[in-house]
Amino acid sequence: MCQFWDSASQLFQSWWRGVKIRRIFRLRLLERRVHRCEAIIREKSDRVLSLENRLSDMKHDLERVKGANKQQSLWIAEMRESISELAETCNKREKYILNKLLPVPAQMQYIRKSENEILLQWRNFPCLEEPRGYLVTVDDRPCGIIKGLQKRARVTDLDGNKESV
């Protein structure tokens, strides 16, 4: 039984020494914990501050990109407008040149045979090549192609998708 009391007293003494040591070092341990927590808080607040700075930089970059995007969309609209004007001018010139280059019948006569039948007769201006056919238009809309081999053609129901001999 003596052995039991010896081990119990040793256990109690070691516990008591631990309590004394903890009391002595308790303040230092708490201070270290507080310093470690303060360091972690500083680290996290620095990280948050750097993220806020990056966010504000990104906002400024976004505003700059929006401004550049607006400017480019204005340039694109101006380019589209100028390209459409240029295309319209080119189409007018092309039509003018084609009208000047195509052979035009001279002294054209037409005789109405009935309500829906007309006889056309004409003479050509002198050309290097003999024309192979004529495009008949009404109000600038193509009505059909007339070949007119003997410089005469009978016009009946004209269709823009068909050729007449």
C-alpha atoms as a PDB file:
ATOM      1  CA  MET A   1       0.000   0.000   0.000  1.00  0.00           C
ATOM      2  CA  CYS A   2       2.893   2.233   0.501  1.00  0.00           C
ATOM      3  CA  GLN A   3       3.695   1.909  -3.098  1.00  0.00           C
ATOM      4  CA  PHE A   4       0.238   3.167  -4.002  1.00  0.00           C
ATOM      5  CA  TRP A   5       0.755   6.287  -1.911  1.00  0.00           C
ATOM      6  CA  ASP A   6       4.159   6.872  -3.428  1.00  0.00           C
ATOM      7  CA  SER A   7       2.828   6.718  -6.957  1.00  0.00           C
ATOM      8  CA  ALA A   8      -0.187   8.834  -6.004  1.00  0.00           C
ATOM      9  CA  SER A   9       2.037  11.431  -4.370  1.00  0.00           C
ATOM     10  CA  GLN A  10       4.306  11.467  -7.417  1.00  0.00           C
ATOM     11  CA  LEU A  11       1.298  11.899  -9.662  1.00  0.00           C
ATOM     12  CA  PHE A  12      -0.001  14.699  -7.463  1.00  0.00           C
ATOM     13  CA  GLN A  13       3.430  16.386  -7.342  1.00  0.00           C
ATOM     14  CA  SER A  14       3.845  16.221 -11.112  1.00  0.00           C
ATOM     15  CA  TRP A  15       0.350  17.620 -11.570  1.00  0.00           C
ATOM     16  CA  TRP A  16       1.106  20.422  -9.118  1.00  0.00           C
ATOM     17  CA  ARG A  17       4.389  21.230 -10.881  1.00  0.00           C
ATOM     18  CA  GLY A  18       2.503  21.364 -14.168  1.00  0.00           C
ATOM     19  CA  VAL A  19      -0.038  23.748 -12.664  1.00  0.00           C
ATOM     20  CA  LYS A  20       2.739  25.982 -11.320  1.00  0.00           C
ATOM     21  CA  ILE A  21       4.547  25.960 -14.652  1.00  0.00           C
ATOM     22  CA  ARG A  22       1.317  26.678 -16.483  1.00  0.00           C
ATOM     23  CA  ARG A  23       0.625  29.568 -14.138  1.00  0.00           C
ATOM     24  CA  ILE A  24       4.093  30.935 -14.714  1.00  0.00           C
ATOM     25  CA  PHE A  25       4.041  30.498 -18.483  1.00  0.00           C
ATOM     26  CA  ARG A  26       0.320  31.071 -18.951  1.00  0.00           C
ATOM     27  CA  LEU A  27       0.710  34.781 -19.545  1.00  0.00           C
ATOM     28  CA  ARG A  28       3.560  34.254 -22.011  1.00  0.00           C
ATOM     29  CA  LEU A  29       1.645  31.534 -23.863  1.00  0.00           C
ATOM     30  CA  LEU A  30      -1.421  33.745 -24.081  1.00  0.00           C
ATOM     31  CA  GLU A  31       0.713  36.663 -25.286  1.00  0.00           C
ATOM     32  CA  ARG A  32       2.240  34.432 -27.957  1.00  0.00           C
ATOM     33  CA  ARG A  33      -1.207  33.279 -29.036  1.00  0.00           C
ATOM     34  CA  VAL A  34      -2.376  36.889 -29.174  1.00  0.00           C
ATOM     35  CA  HIS A  35       0.705  37.885 -31.229  1.00  0.00           C
ATOM     36  CA  ARG A  36       0.163  34.929 -33.569  1.00  0.00           C
ATOM     37  CA  CYS A  37      -3.513  35.860 -33.996  1.00  0.00           C
ATOM     38  CA  GLU A  38      -2.579  39.510 -34.585  1.00  0.00           C
ATOM     39  CA  ALA A  39      -0.037  38.430 -37.210  1.00  0.00           C
ATOM     40  CA  ILE A  40      -2.651  36.243 -38.920  1.00  0.00           C
ATOM     41  CA  ILE A  41      -5.170  39.115 -38.792  1.00  0.00           C
ATOM     42  CA  ARG A  42      -2.573  41.513 -40.263  1.00  0.00           C
ATOM     43  CA  GLU A  43      -1.779  38.998 -42.977  1.00  0.00           C
ATOM     44  CA  LYS A  44      -5.457  38.533 -43.828  1.00  0.00           C
ATOM     45  CA  SER A  45      -6.165  42.286 -43.749  1.00  0.00           C
ATOM     46  CA  ASP A  46      -3.164  42.907 -46.033  1.00  0.00           C
ATOM     47  CA  ARG A  47      -4.538  40.258 -48.391  1.00  0.00           C
ATOM     48  CA  VAL A  48      -8.005  41.867 -48.301  1.00  0.00           C
ATOM     49  CA  LEU A  49      -6.439  45.289 -48.938  1.00  0.00           C
ATOM     50  CA  SER A  50      -4.458  43.971 -51.906  1.00  0.00           C
ATOM     51  CA  LEU A  51      -7.616  42.330 -53.295  1.00  0.00           C
ATOM     52  CA  GLU A  52      -9.516  45.616 -52.889  1.00  0.00           C
ATOM     53  CA  ASN A  53      -6.715  47.424 -54.735  1.00  0.00           C
ATOM     54  CA  ARG A  54      -6.853  44.863 -57.537  1.00  0.00           C
ATOM     55  CA  LEU A  55     -10.632  45.239 -57.665  1.00  0.00           C
ATOM     56  CA  SER A  56     -10.374  49.021 -58.011  1.00  0.00           C
ATOM     57  CA  ASP A  57      -7.697  48.586 -60.708  1.00  0.00           C
ATOM     58  CA  MET A  58      -9.976  46.162 -62.535  1.00  0.00           C
ATOM     59  CA  LYS A  59     -12.852  48.654 -62.294  1.00  0.00           C
ATOM     60  CA  HIS A  60     -10.644  51.342 -63.852  1.00  0.00           C
ATOM     61  CA  ASP A  61      -9.541  48.892 -66.558  1.00  0.00           C
ATOM     62  CA  LEU A  62     -13.170  47.979 -67.216  1.00  0.00           C
ATOM     63  CA  GLU A  63     -14.099  51.653 -67.617  1.00  0.00           C
ATOM     64  CA  ARG A  64     -11.191  52.136 -70.031  1.00  0.00           C
ATOM     65  CA  VAL A  65     -12.223  49.066 -72.031  1.00  0.00           C
ATOM     66  CA  LYS A  66     -15.832  50.310 -72.142  1.00  0.00           C
ATOM     67  CA  GLY A  67     -14.630  53.676 -73.472  1.00  0.00           C
ATOM     68  CA  ALA A  68     -12.428  52.015 -76.077  1.00  0.00           C
ATOM     69  CA  ASN A  69     -15.295  49.703 -77.032  1.00  0.00           C
ATOM     70  CA  LYS A  70     -17.642  52.665 -77.528  1.00  0.00           C
ATOM     71  CA  GLN A  71     -15.016  54.438 -79.638  1.00  0.00           C
ATOM     72  CA  GLN A  72     -14.464  51.344 -81.762  1.00  0.00           C
ATOM     73  CA  SER A  73     -18.202  50.822 -82.222  1.00  0.00           C
ATOM     74  CA  LEU A  74     -18.456  54.440 -83.440  1.00  0.00           C
ATOM     75  CA  TRP A  75     -15.562  53.828 -85.850  1.00  0.00           C
ATOM     76  CA  ILE A  76     -17.222  50.631 -87.076  1.00  0.00           C
ATOM     77  CA  ALA A  77     -20.509  52.476 -87.640  1.00  0.00           C
ATOM     78  CA  GLU A  78     -18.671  55.213 -89.571  1.00  0.00           C
ATOM     79  CA  MET A  79     -16.828  52.584 -91.627  1.00  0.00           C
ATOM     80  CA  ARG A  80     -20.086  50.755 -92.398  1.00  0.00           C
ATOM     81  CA  GLU A  81     -21.677  54.004 -93.496  1.00  0.00           C
ATOM     82  CA  SER A  82     -18.717  54.975 -95.678  1.00  0.00           C
ATOM     83  CA  ILE A  83     -18.520  51.455 -97.148  1.00  0.00           C
ATOM     84  CA  SER A  84     -22.235  51.489 -97.971  1.00  0.00           C
ATOM     85  CA  GLU A  85     -21.853  54.941 -99.579  1.00  0.00           C
ATOM     86  CA  LEU A  86     -18.832  53.701-101.524  1.00  0.00           C
ATOM     87  CA  ALA A  87     -20.707  50.569-102.622  1.00  0.00           C
ATOM     88  CA  GLU A  88     -23.648  52.690-103.732  1.00  0.00           C
ATOM     89  CA  THR A  89     -21.327  54.990-105.694  1.00  0.00           C
ATOM     90  CA  CYS A  90     -19.574  51.987-107.261  1.00  0.00           C
ATOM     91  CA  ASN A  91     -22.920  50.445-108.214  1.00  0.00           C
ATOM     92  CA  LYS A  92     -24.009  53.719-109.841  1.00  0.00           C
ATOM     93  CA  ARG A  93     -20.716  53.971-111.748  1.00  0.00           C
ATOM     94  CA  GLU A  94     -20.931  50.335-112.806  1.00  0.00           C
ATOM     95  CA  LYS A  95     -24.482  50.820-114.053  1.00  0.00           C
ATOM     96  CA  TYR A  96     -23.450  54.000-115.894  1.00  0.00           C
ATOM     97  CA  ILE A  97     -20.438  52.294-117.505  1.00  0.00           C
ATOM     98  CA  LEU A  98     -22.436  49.214-118.459  1.00  0.00           C
ATOM     99  CA  ASN A  99     -25.121  51.398-119.983  1.00  0.00           C
ATOM    100  CA  LYS A 100     -22.435  53.189-122.015  1.00  0.00           C
ATOM    101  CA  LEU A 101     -20.800  49.931-123.135  1.00  0.00           C
ATOM    102  CA  LEU A 102     -23.917  47.968-124.050  1.00  0.00           C
ATOM    103  CA  PRO A 103     -25.192  48.350-127.597  1.00  0.00           C
ATOM    104  CA  VAL A 104     -28.380  50.358-127.712  1.00  0.00           C
ATOM    105  CA  PRO A 105     -30.819  49.932-130.546  1.00  0.00           C
ATOM    106  CA  ALA A 106     -31.363  53.040-132.633  1.00  0.00           C
ATOM    107  CA  GLN A 107     -34.515  53.998-134.462  1.00  0.00           C
ATOM    108  CA  MET A 108     -36.645  51.527-132.585  1.00  0.00           C
ATOM    109  CA  GLN A 109     -40.251  51.128-133.691  1.00  0.00           C
ATOM    110  CA  TYR A 110     -42.975  49.110-132.128  1.00  0.00           C
ATOM    111  CA  ILE A 111     -46.318  48.068-133.491  1.00  0.00           C
ATOM    112  CA  ARG A 112     -49.031  46.826-131.157  1.00  0.00           C
ATOM    113  CA  LYS A 113     -50.629  43.809-132.814  1.00  0.00           C
ATOM    114  CA  SER A 114     -53.028  43.035-129.996  1.00  0.00           C
ATOM    115  CA  GLU A 115     -53.531  43.712-126.295  1.00  0.00           C
ATOM    116  CA  ASN A 116     -50.638  41.492-125.207  1.00  0.00           C
ATOM    117  CA  GLU A 117     -48.508  41.280-128.376  1.00  0.00           C
ATOM    118  CA  ILE A 118     -46.067  43.901-129.691  1.00  0.00           C
ATOM    119  CA  LEU A 119     -43.767  43.782-132.729  1.00  0.00           C
ATOM    120  CA  LEU A 120     -40.403  45.544-132.202  1.00  0.00           C
ATOM    121  CA  GLN A 121     -38.075  46.626-135.059  1.00  0.00           C
ATOM    122  CA  TRP A 122     -34.747  48.439-134.698  1.00  0.00           C
ATOM    123  CA  ARG A 123     -31.351  49.259-136.171  1.00  0.00           C
ATOM    124  CA  ASN A 124     -28.139  48.978-134.170  1.00  0.00           C
ATOM    125  CA  PHE A 125     -25.453  51.549-133.700  1.00  0.00           C
ATOM    126  CA  PRO A 126     -22.277  50.289-135.338  1.00  0.00           C
ATOM    127  CA  CYS A 127     -20.459  47.995-132.858  1.00  0.00           C
ATOM    128  CA  LEU A 128     -17.335  45.892-133.041  1.00  0.00           C
ATOM    129  CA  GLU A 129     -19.359  42.805-132.199  1.00  0.00           C
ATOM    130  CA  GLU A 130     -22.869  41.930-133.124  1.00  0.00           C
ATOM    131  CA  PRO A 131     -24.996  41.838-129.960  1.00  0.00           C
ATOM    132  CA  ARG A 132     -26.321  38.429-128.965  1.00  0.00           C
ATOM    133  CA  GLY A 133     -29.429  39.715-127.233  1.00  0.00           C
ATOM    134  CA  TYR A 134     -31.132  42.645-125.566  1.00  0.00           C
ATOM    135  CA  LEU A 135     -32.423  42.922-122.048  1.00  0.00           C
ATOM    136  CA  VAL A 136     -35.871  44.500-121.995  1.00  0.00           C
ATOM    137  CA  THR A 137     -36.586  46.551-118.884  1.00  0.00           C
ATOM    138  CA  VAL A 138     -39.722  48.320-117.752  1.00  0.00           C
ATOM    139  CA  ASP A 139     -39.270  50.915-114.999  1.00  0.00           C
ATOM    140  CA  ASP A 140     -35.705  49.652-114.450  1.00  0.00           C
ATOM    141  CA  ARG A 141     -36.957  46.120-113.816  1.00  0.00           C
ATOM    142  CA  PRO A 142     -35.804  43.356-116.179  1.00  0.00           C
ATOM    143  CA  CYS A 143     -38.690  41.784-118.074  1.00  0.00           C
ATOM    144  CA  GLY A 144     -36.777  39.372-120.295  1.00  0.00           C
ATOM    145  CA  ILE A 145     -34.059  38.921-122.888  1.00  0.00           C
ATOM    146  CA  ILE A 146     -34.806  39.317-126.602  1.00  0.00           C
ATOM    147  CA  LYS A 147     -32.347  37.817-129.073  1.00  0.00           C
ATOM    148  CA  GLY A 148     -33.802  39.490-132.171  1.00  0.00           C
ATOM    149  CA  LEU A 149     -31.644  37.852-134.828  1.00  0.00           C
ATOM    150  CA  GLN A 150     -33.176  39.837-137.728  1.00  0.00           C
ATOM    151  CA  LYS A 151     -33.423  43.002-135.651  1.00  0.00           C
ATOM    152  CA  ARG A 152     -37.057  42.337-134.965  1.00  0.00           C
ATOM    153  CA  ALA A 153     -38.881  40.485-132.225  1.00  0.00           C
ATOM    154  CA  ARG A 154     -42.420  39.763-131.231  1.00  0.00           C
ATOM    155  CA  VAL A 155     -43.053  40.552-127.578  1.00  0.00           C
ATOM    156  CA  THR A 156     -45.788  38.631-125.809  1.00  0.00           C
ATOM    157  CA  ASP A 157     -45.756  37.640-122.138  1.00  0.00           C
ATOM    158  CA  LEU A 158     -42.310  38.652-120.903  1.00  0.00           C
ATOM    159  CA  ASP A 159     -40.791  36.785-118.009  1.00  0.00           C
ATOM    160  CA  GLY A 160     -37.437  37.743-116.461  1.00  0.00           C
ATOM    161  CA  ASN A 161     -36.442  34.100-116.075  1.00  0.00           C
ATOM    162  CA  LYS A 162     -36.985  33.115-119.715  1.00  0.00           C
ATOM    163  CA  GLU A 163     -35.295  34.000-122.983  1.00  0.00           C
ATOM    164  CA  SER A 164     -37.161  34.816-126.170  1.00  0.00           C
ATOM    165  CA  VAL A 165     -35.916  33.901-129.644  1.00  0.00           C
END
